[in-house]
């Protein structure tokens, strides 16, 4: 590692296509999804993915076609996203909580022609060109999937094919759609699972909307690692891993019971936020991260091997396949350790581009492959990234 860069290491990327990765993941009767309605095993989830993929084939889903997903959290929604990726389609999350202007932009700007919704009702759209299908219809149409045909379709998908067009709603999220590839999602998901020891028997809770930068990464990480994705209210059931992003701490007068406090909690914020959660969850290990839609959700996060006090002061270390450089924004020259400059990031989790906005893409993507985040920060001597959100984040 050079004096002015941080490079993530630690695990082998493996299959760079989501369909192939899911096909190679076999976790049997271990729970894959837990909700108030009950639990779905990994074997049942795989069967649901194949049935939905067969239903999408019947609906003539083409490789690269945008598919809107407008459903509440459920095993069906997780399986639907995986089925779309299996066939080389592109997921466009249409979270009902999105502001109307952003939802309209996602509907009109992403170029989708198919929208899949829950059987209990859909969020309407005035676009006549968009075909509506209920998830139950797809499951019924794919009742007897042709595994050979599905394998053939999955074999046509390449690592750099688009997998999602993401329209976020956070403070740092761009109004433009962020196009992420199979390679980007897989690298972020596998890196997250490897860093925090997520595996068979783990229970991951991520009470975030589908269009949040970290939600899709969390869902994919659980599927690949053999963990259970818990779509239950936070602290209502035991969980080993919890991703809260920038959510405010729970009120101090109502702390969760000890048995409901997860082993690890991943946040994304300044020292005030981290310390607030450390007080609220004294029995949990609190970690920090740097989350952006352009980086497939999570590209930098705390390393469990670092001392606990570093979580409130730093965003952590880059994941495998991620390189961080601190640059003088006026001269584009590298900065030395502890010198503040603009944070530039490149690597496998980086977006392909902004959807249908070449000028904006060229503005933030350097010719050498770095993403100019627009955020200021610096590197310490251990390769950790310090984001200068405010005075609390500086050491």
Protein backbone atom coordinates (compact mmCIF):
# COMPACT_ATOMS: atom_id res chain seq x y z
CA UNK A 1 0.00 0.00 0.00
CA UNK A 2 1.34 3.40 -0.98
CA UNK A 3 1.53 6.36 1.34
CA UNK A 4 -1.56 8.01 -0.11
CA UNK A 5 -3.86 5.14 -1.08
CA UNK A 6 -5.86 2.40 0.59
CA UNK A 7 -6.59 -0.89 -1.19
CA UNK A 8 -9.03 -3.49 0.08
CA UNK A 9 -7.97 -7.13 0.33
CA UNK A 10 -9.29 -10.32 1.85
CA UNK A 11 -11.44 -12.64 -0.34
CA UNK A 12 -11.73 -14.07 -3.84
CA UNK A 13 -14.43 -12.50 -6.01
CA UNK A 14 -15.42 -15.77 -7.68
CA UNK A 15 -18.27 -15.94 -10.22
CA UNK A 16 -18.85 -12.38 -11.43
CA UNK A 17 -22.43 -13.03 -12.65
CA UNK A 18 -25.34 -13.15 -10.19
CA UNK A 19 -27.17 -16.07 -11.84
CA UNK A 20 -24.08 -18.29 -11.77
CA UNK A 21 -23.35 -17.29 -8.17
CA UNK A 22 -26.91 -18.14 -7.06
CA UNK A 23 -26.82 -21.43 -8.97
CA UNK A 24 -23.70 -22.41 -7.04
CA UNK A 25 -25.16 -21.48 -3.64
CA UNK A 26 -26.95 -24.43 -2.04
CA UNK A 27 -28.02 -24.01 1.58
CA UNK A 28 -30.91 -26.48 1.76
CA UNK A 29 -33.40 -26.08 4.59
CA UNK A 30 -31.61 -23.20 6.30
CA UNK A 31 -33.91 -20.15 6.49
CA UNK A 32 -33.39 -17.61 3.70
CA UNK A 33 -36.15 -15.15 4.61
CA UNK A 34 -38.00 -14.53 7.86
CA UNK A 35 -41.15 -12.41 8.13
CA UNK A 36 -44.26 -12.21 10.29
CA UNK A 37 -45.95 -14.64 7.89
CA UNK A 38 -43.26 -17.27 8.54
CA UNK A 39 -39.89 -18.44 7.25
CA UNK A 40 -38.79 -19.43 3.74
CA UNK A 41 -35.88 -21.86 3.37
CA UNK A 42 -33.05 -21.41 0.89
CA UNK A 43 -34.32 -24.46 -1.02
CA UNK A 44 -37.81 -22.93 -1.25
CA UNK A 45 -36.30 -19.58 -2.21
CA UNK A 46 -34.32 -21.20 -5.03
CA UNK A 47 -37.48 -22.92 -6.28
CA UNK A 48 -39.30 -19.58 -6.19
CA UNK A 49 -36.49 -17.89 -8.11
CA UNK A 50 -36.62 -20.53 -10.85
CA UNK A 51 -40.42 -20.33 -11.11
CA UNK A 52 -40.35 -16.56 -11.35
CA UNK A 53 -37.58 -16.74 -13.94
CA UNK A 54 -39.67 -19.16 -15.99
CA UNK A 55 -42.66 -16.83 -15.65
CA UNK A 56 -40.57 -13.91 -16.84
CA UNK A 57 -39.45 -15.99 -19.83
CA UNK A 58 -43.12 -16.59 -20.65
CA UNK A 59 -43.59 -12.83 -20.45
CA UNK A 60 -40.78 -12.54 -23.03
CA UNK A 61 -38.29 -10.77 -20.81
CA UNK A 62 -35.25 -9.85 -22.91
CA UNK A 63 -31.69 -9.44 -21.71
CA UNK A 64 -31.11 -5.84 -20.70
CA UNK A 65 -34.83 -5.08 -20.37
CA UNK A 66 -35.78 -2.84 -17.44
CA UNK A 67 -38.28 -4.35 -14.99
CA UNK A 68 -39.94 -2.20 -12.34
CA UNK A 69 -40.37 -3.87 -8.95
CA UNK A 70 -43.11 -2.32 -6.80
CA UNK A 71 -43.65 -4.66 -3.85
CA UNK A 72 -43.41 -4.57 -0.06
CA UNK A 73 -40.58 -6.50 1.61
CA UNK A 74 -41.19 -10.23 1.21
CA UNK A 75 -39.62 -13.48 0.09
CA UNK A 76 -41.35 -12.98 -3.27
CA UNK A 77 -39.68 -9.61 -3.79
CA UNK A 78 -36.23 -10.99 -2.98
CA UNK A 79 -36.80 -13.95 -5.31
CA UNK A 80 -38.14 -11.68 -8.06
CA UNK A 81 -35.01 -9.50 -8.10
CA UNK A 82 -32.84 -12.64 -8.23
CA UNK A 83 -34.95 -14.07 -11.09
CA UNK A 84 -34.61 -10.88 -13.12
CA UNK A 85 -30.84 -10.96 -12.67
CA UNK A 86 -30.74 -14.66 -13.55
CA UNK A 87 -32.17 -13.84 -16.99
CA UNK A 88 -30.06 -10.74 -17.55
CA UNK A 89 -32.86 -8.28 -16.88
CA UNK A 90 -32.38 -4.99 -15.04
CA UNK A 91 -34.15 -4.28 -11.74
CA UNK A 92 -35.66 -0.81 -11.27
CA UNK A 93 -36.80 -0.52 -7.63
CA UNK A 94 -40.04 1.47 -7.36
CA UNK A 95 -40.30 1.88 -3.62
CA UNK A 96 -43.75 3.23 -2.64
CA UNK A 97 -42.06 5.62 -0.18
CA UNK A 98 -40.28 7.44 -3.02
CA UNK A 99 -41.40 11.04 -3.55
CA UNK A 100 -43.80 11.32 -6.46
CA UNK A 101 -41.36 13.34 -8.56
CA UNK A 102 -38.60 10.74 -8.09
CA UNK A 103 -41.03 7.88 -8.77
CA UNK A 104 -42.14 9.54 -12.00
CA UNK A 105 -38.50 9.99 -12.99
CA UNK A 106 -37.83 6.31 -12.34
CA UNK A 107 -40.86 5.26 -14.39
CA UNK A 108 -40.24 7.57 -17.33
CA UNK A 109 -36.46 7.93 -17.31
CA UNK A 110 -35.42 4.31 -16.87
CA UNK A 111 -37.16 3.10 -20.03
CA UNK A 112 -38.94 0.21 -18.31
CA UNK A 113 -41.69 -1.64 -20.17
CA UNK A 114 -42.66 -4.16 -17.49
CA UNK A 115 -43.76 -3.56 -13.91
CA UNK A 116 -44.22 -6.39 -11.42
CA UNK A 117 -46.29 -5.71 -8.32
CA UNK A 118 -47.81 -7.52 -5.39
CA UNK A 119 -51.09 -9.33 -6.02
CA UNK A 120 -52.83 -7.22 -3.38
CA UNK A 121 -52.50 -4.07 -5.44
CA UNK A 122 -50.09 -1.97 -7.49
CA UNK A 123 -48.93 1.61 -7.44
CA UNK A 124 -50.57 2.97 -10.55
CA UNK A 125 -48.82 4.55 -13.48
CA UNK A 126 -50.18 6.58 -16.36
CA UNK A 127 -47.60 5.21 -18.81
CA UNK A 128 -49.55 3.17 -21.34
CA UNK A 129 -46.40 1.45 -22.62
CA UNK A 130 -45.72 -0.19 -19.24
CA UNK A 131 -47.10 -3.70 -18.91
CA UNK A 132 -48.31 -4.68 -15.43
CA UNK A 133 -47.97 -8.19 -14.00
CA UNK A 134 -48.72 -9.54 -10.54
CA UNK A 135 -46.04 -11.66 -8.89
CA UNK A 136 -48.59 -14.45 -8.39
CA UNK A 137 -49.21 -14.51 -12.15
CA UNK A 138 -45.52 -15.06 -12.82
CA UNK A 139 -45.34 -17.84 -10.23
CA UNK A 140 -48.31 -19.58 -11.84
CA UNK A 141 -46.89 -19.23 -15.36
CA UNK A 142 -43.54 -20.69 -14.23
CA UNK A 143 -44.98 -23.62 -12.30
CA UNK A 144 -42.86 -26.11 -14.32
CA UNK A 145 -39.60 -24.30 -15.16
CA UNK A 146 -37.42 -25.56 -18.00
CA UNK A 147 -34.05 -25.73 -16.23
CA UNK A 148 -32.12 -26.16 -19.46
CA UNK A 149 -33.62 -23.04 -20.98
CA UNK A 150 -33.00 -21.06 -17.78
CA UNK A 151 -29.37 -22.21 -17.68
CA UNK A 152 -28.93 -21.23 -21.33
CA UNK A 153 -30.30 -17.74 -20.68
CA UNK A 154 -28.14 -17.32 -17.58
CA UNK A 155 -25.08 -18.26 -19.63
CA UNK A 156 -25.55 -15.24 -21.88
CA UNK A 157 -25.16 -12.76 -19.04
CA UNK A 158 -21.75 -11.09 -18.67
CA UNK A 159 -20.21 -9.48 -15.56
CA UNK A 160 -20.47 -5.94 -16.90
CA UNK A 161 -24.08 -6.22 -18.04
CA UNK A 162 -26.39 -3.85 -16.12
CA UNK A 163 -28.21 -5.39 -13.15
CA UNK A 164 -30.01 -2.43 -11.57
CA UNK A 165 -30.96 1.18 -12.21
CA UNK A 166 -31.18 2.77 -8.79
CA UNK A 167 -33.02 5.96 -7.97
CA UNK A 168 -32.24 6.80 -4.34
CA UNK A 169 -33.68 9.31 -1.91
CA UNK A 170 -30.90 9.96 0.61
CA UNK A 171 -29.07 13.25 1.03
CA UNK A 172 -26.10 12.03 -1.02
CA UNK A 173 -28.13 10.20 -3.64
CA UNK A 174 -28.21 11.71 -7.07
CA UNK A 175 -31.51 12.40 -8.80
CA UNK A 176 -30.16 10.45 -11.78
CA UNK A 177 -30.50 6.72 -12.09
CA UNK A 178 -27.32 4.87 -11.12
CA UNK A 179 -26.57 1.87 -13.36
CA UNK A 180 -24.85 -0.96 -11.49
CA UNK A 181 -23.44 -4.13 -13.06
CA UNK A 182 -23.52 -7.76 -11.92
CA UNK A 183 -19.85 -7.45 -11.00
CA UNK A 184 -20.51 -4.39 -8.82
CA UNK A 185 -23.37 -5.95 -6.84
CA UNK A 186 -21.54 -9.25 -6.36
CA UNK A 187 -18.33 -7.61 -5.18
CA UNK A 188 -20.17 -5.42 -2.66
CA UNK A 189 -22.32 -8.32 -1.40
CA UNK A 190 -19.45 -10.79 -1.04
CA UNK A 191 -17.21 -8.15 0.52
CA UNK A 192 -19.87 -7.26 3.10
CA UNK A 193 -20.47 -10.92 4.01
CA UNK A 194 -16.74 -11.67 4.27
CA UNK A 195 -15.87 -8.65 6.39
CA UNK A 196 -18.55 -9.27 9.01
CA UNK A 197 -18.52 -13.07 9.08
CA UNK A 198 -21.96 -13.49 7.56
CA UNK A 199 -22.69 -17.15 6.85
CA UNK A 200 -25.05 -20.08 7.39
CA UNK A 201 -27.15 -19.44 10.48
CA UNK A 202 -26.61 -15.66 10.47
CA UNK A 203 -29.69 -13.45 10.66
CA UNK A 204 -29.42 -10.18 8.75
CA UNK A 205 -31.90 -7.35 9.27
CA UNK A 206 -31.84 -4.34 6.93
CA UNK A 207 -34.93 -2.19 7.55
CA UNK A 208 -34.24 -0.05 4.49
CA UNK A 209 -36.32 0.62 1.35
CA UNK A 210 -35.44 -1.35 -1.77
CA UNK A 211 -34.11 1.77 -3.47
CA UNK A 212 -31.63 2.41 -0.65
CA UNK A 213 -28.05 1.91 -1.74
CA UNK A 214 -27.37 -0.81 0.84
CA UNK A 215 -30.60 -2.84 0.67
CA UNK A 216 -30.00 -4.77 -2.56
CA UNK A 217 -26.43 -5.49 -1.47
CA UNK A 218 -27.70 -6.84 1.87
CA UNK A 219 -30.31 -9.08 0.20
CA UNK A 220 -27.77 -10.55 -2.21
CA UNK A 221 -25.22 -11.04 0.57
CA UNK A 222 -27.74 -13.07 2.59
CA UNK A 223 -28.66 -15.27 -0.38
CA UNK A 224 -25.05 -16.03 -1.26
CA UNK A 225 -23.80 -16.53 2.30
CA UNK A 226 -26.59 -18.84 3.47
CA UNK A 227 -27.88 -16.26 5.95
CA UNK A 228 -31.50 -15.40 6.72
CA UNK A 229 -32.85 -12.00 5.69
CA UNK A 230 -35.17 -10.80 8.47
CA UNK A 231 -37.94 -8.51 7.27
CA UNK A 232 -39.18 -7.78 10.77
CA UNK A 233 -39.29 -4.51 12.73
CA UNK A 234 -35.86 -3.72 14.12
CA UNK A 235 -35.27 -5.12 17.63
CA UNK A 236 -38.48 -7.19 17.52
CA UNK A 237 -36.56 -10.44 16.99
CA UNK A 238 -32.94 -11.55 17.56
CA UNK A 239 -30.57 -10.72 14.68
CA UNK A 240 -26.84 -11.26 14.38
CA UNK A 241 -26.31 -8.46 11.82
CA UNK A 242 -28.22 -5.18 11.46
CA UNK A 243 -27.74 -2.50 8.77
CA UNK A 244 -29.28 0.84 9.74
CA UNK A 245 -27.39 3.29 7.48
CA UNK A 246 -28.05 6.83 8.75
CA UNK A 247 -31.08 6.06 10.96
CA UNK A 248 -31.23 8.07 14.18
CA UNK A 249 -30.67 6.22 17.49
CA UNK A 250 -33.62 4.76 19.36
CA UNK A 251 -34.94 6.92 22.23
CA UNK A 252 -32.79 6.41 25.34
CA UNK A 253 -35.90 5.83 27.47
CA UNK A 254 -36.79 2.73 25.44
CA UNK A 255 -33.60 0.72 24.81
CA UNK A 256 -34.07 -2.73 23.23
CA UNK A 257 -33.79 -5.74 25.51
CA UNK A 258 -30.32 -7.29 25.70
CA UNK A 259 -31.41 -10.41 23.80
CA UNK A 260 -32.76 -8.23 20.97
CA UNK A 261 -29.54 -6.30 20.48
CA UNK A 262 -27.65 -7.68 17.46
CA UNK A 263 -24.01 -8.71 17.53
CA UNK A 264 -23.06 -6.04 15.00
CA UNK A 265 -24.72 -2.87 13.72
CA UNK A 266 -23.55 -1.13 10.54
CA UNK A 267 -24.19 2.61 10.29
CA UNK A 268 -23.22 5.37 7.89
CA UNK A 269 -22.70 8.73 9.53
CA UNK A 270 -20.62 11.02 11.70
CA UNK A 271 -19.30 10.48 15.20
CA UNK A 272 -22.45 11.86 16.81
CA UNK A 273 -24.57 9.19 15.13
CA UNK A 274 -22.15 6.36 15.99
CA UNK A 275 -21.82 7.40 19.63
CA UNK A 276 -25.59 7.74 19.91
CA UNK A 277 -26.04 4.14 18.80
CA UNK A 278 -23.22 2.96 21.04
CA UNK A 279 -25.12 4.39 24.01
CA UNK A 280 -28.44 2.96 22.78
CA UNK A 281 -27.01 -0.53 22.11
CA UNK A 282 -24.26 -1.11 24.67
CA UNK A 283 -24.24 -4.86 24.02
CA UNK A 284 -23.72 -4.54 20.25
CA UNK A 285 -20.55 -3.85 18.29
CA UNK A 286 -21.12 -0.68 16.26
CA UNK A 287 -19.44 -0.19 12.88
CA UNK A 288 -19.36 2.74 10.49
CA UNK A 289 -19.31 2.86 6.68
CA UNK A 290 -19.32 5.06 3.62
CA UNK A 291 -22.41 4.33 1.52
CA UNK A 292 -23.18 5.63 -1.97
CA UNK A 293 -25.46 4.35 -4.70
CA UNK A 294 -22.62 4.85 -7.19
CA UNK A 295 -20.56 2.29 -5.21
CA UNK A 296 -23.20 -0.47 -5.05
CA UNK A 297 -24.13 0.63 -1.58
CA UNK A 298 -21.12 -0.16 0.59
CA UNK A 299 -17.50 0.04 -0.58
CA UNK A 300 -15.82 1.23 2.64
CA UNK A 301 -16.67 0.04 6.15
CA UNK A 302 -15.13 -0.62 9.56
CA UNK A 303 -12.90 -3.64 9.95
CA UNK A 304 -13.83 -5.80 13.01
CA UNK A 305 -10.09 -6.21 13.70
CA UNK A 306 -9.70 -2.48 14.34
CA UNK A 307 -10.20 -1.08 17.86
CA UNK A 308 -13.88 -0.26 18.61
CA UNK A 309 -13.17 3.44 19.13
CA UNK A 310 -12.15 3.84 15.46
CA UNK A 311 -15.79 3.43 14.36
CA UNK A 312 -16.79 6.92 15.44
CA UNK A 313 -13.69 8.54 13.92
CA UNK A 314 -13.40 6.76 10.55
CA UNK A 315 -15.56 5.24 7.81
CA UNK A 316 -13.32 2.17 7.84
CA UNK A 317 -11.28 0.40 5.20
CA UNK A 318 -12.12 -0.34 1.54
CA UNK A 319 -13.59 -3.73 0.68
CA UNK A 320 -11.85 -6.25 -1.56
CA UNK A 321 -11.36 -4.86 -5.06
CA UNK A 322 -11.72 -1.23 -3.94
CA UNK A 323 -9.03 1.45 -4.07
CA UNK A 324 -9.24 4.83 -2.35
CA UNK A 325 -7.14 7.87 -3.23
CA UNK A 326 -7.19 11.36 -1.71
CA UNK A 327 -6.78 14.06 -4.36
CA UNK A 328 -6.35 17.82 -4.40
CA UNK A 329 -9.56 18.83 -6.25
CA UNK A 330 -7.81 21.83 -7.84
CA UNK A 331 -4.79 20.00 -9.26
CA UNK A 332 -5.88 16.30 -9.25
CA UNK A 333 -2.58 15.48 -7.53
CA UNK A 334 -2.33 12.80 -4.82
CA UNK A 335 -2.38 14.01 -1.22
CA UNK A 336 -0.20 12.60 1.55
CA UNK A 337 -1.49 10.79 4.62
CA UNK A 338 -3.56 13.00 6.95
CA UNK A 339 -3.87 15.70 4.26
CA UNK A 340 -7.49 16.58 3.46
CA UNK A 341 -8.61 16.32 -0.15
CA UNK A 342 -11.41 14.91 -2.29
CA UNK A 343 -12.11 11.19 -1.89
CA UNK A 344 -11.72 9.28 -5.14
CA UNK A 345 -12.70 5.60 -5.34
CA UNK A 346 -12.38 2.94 -8.02
CA UNK A 347 -12.86 -0.81 -8.22
CA UNK A 348 -15.35 -3.57 -8.87
CA UNK A 349 -18.33 -2.04 -6.97
CA UNK A 350 -18.24 1.17 -9.04
CA UNK A 351 -21.27 2.03 -11.16
CA UNK A 352 -21.18 1.70 -14.94
CA UNK A 353 -22.61 5.19 -15.45
CA UNK A 354 -25.55 7.43 -14.73
CA UNK A 355 -28.55 6.32 -16.74
CA UNK A 356 -29.00 8.35 -19.90
CA UNK A 357 -26.68 11.15 -18.74
CA UNK A 358 -23.28 10.88 -20.43
CA UNK A 359 -22.19 14.39 -19.45
CA UNK A 360 -22.78 13.81 -15.73
CA UNK A 361 -21.05 10.43 -15.95
CA UNK A 362 -17.94 11.94 -17.53
CA UNK A 363 -17.89 14.66 -14.89
CA UNK A 364 -17.60 12.23 -11.96
CA UNK A 365 -15.69 9.34 -13.59
CA UNK A 366 -11.98 9.98 -14.08
CA UNK A 367 -10.24 8.55 -17.16
CA UNK A 368 -8.26 6.19 -14.94
CA UNK A 369 -11.48 4.73 -13.54
CA UNK A 370 -11.84 6.69 -10.29
CA UNK A 371 -15.20 7.99 -9.07
CA UNK A 372 -14.93 11.58 -7.81
CA UNK A 373 -17.21 11.45 -4.77
CA UNK A 374 -17.31 15.18 -4.09
CA UNK A 375 -16.72 14.42 -0.38
CA UNK A 376 -13.64 15.60 1.47
CA UNK A 377 -11.54 13.41 3.71
CA UNK A 378 -8.15 11.86 4.32
CA UNK A 379 -6.36 8.57 5.00
CA UNK A 380 -4.67 7.63 8.25
CA UNK A 381 -1.51 5.56 8.55
CA UNK A 382 -3.54 2.32 8.80
CA UNK A 383 -5.37 2.86 5.50
CA UNK A 384 -8.64 3.92 7.13
CA UNK A 385 -10.77 6.60 5.46
CA UNK A 386 -11.86 9.63 7.47
CA UNK A 387 -14.76 11.51 5.89
CA UNK A 388 -14.85 15.15 6.97
CA UNK A 389 -18.59 15.41 7.40
CA UNK A 390 -18.13 17.83 10.29
CA UNK A 391 -15.77 18.57 13.16
CA UNK A 392 -16.77 15.42 15.00
CA UNK A 393 -15.39 13.24 12.18
CA UNK A 394 -11.90 14.69 12.33
CA UNK A 395 -9.10 13.43 14.57
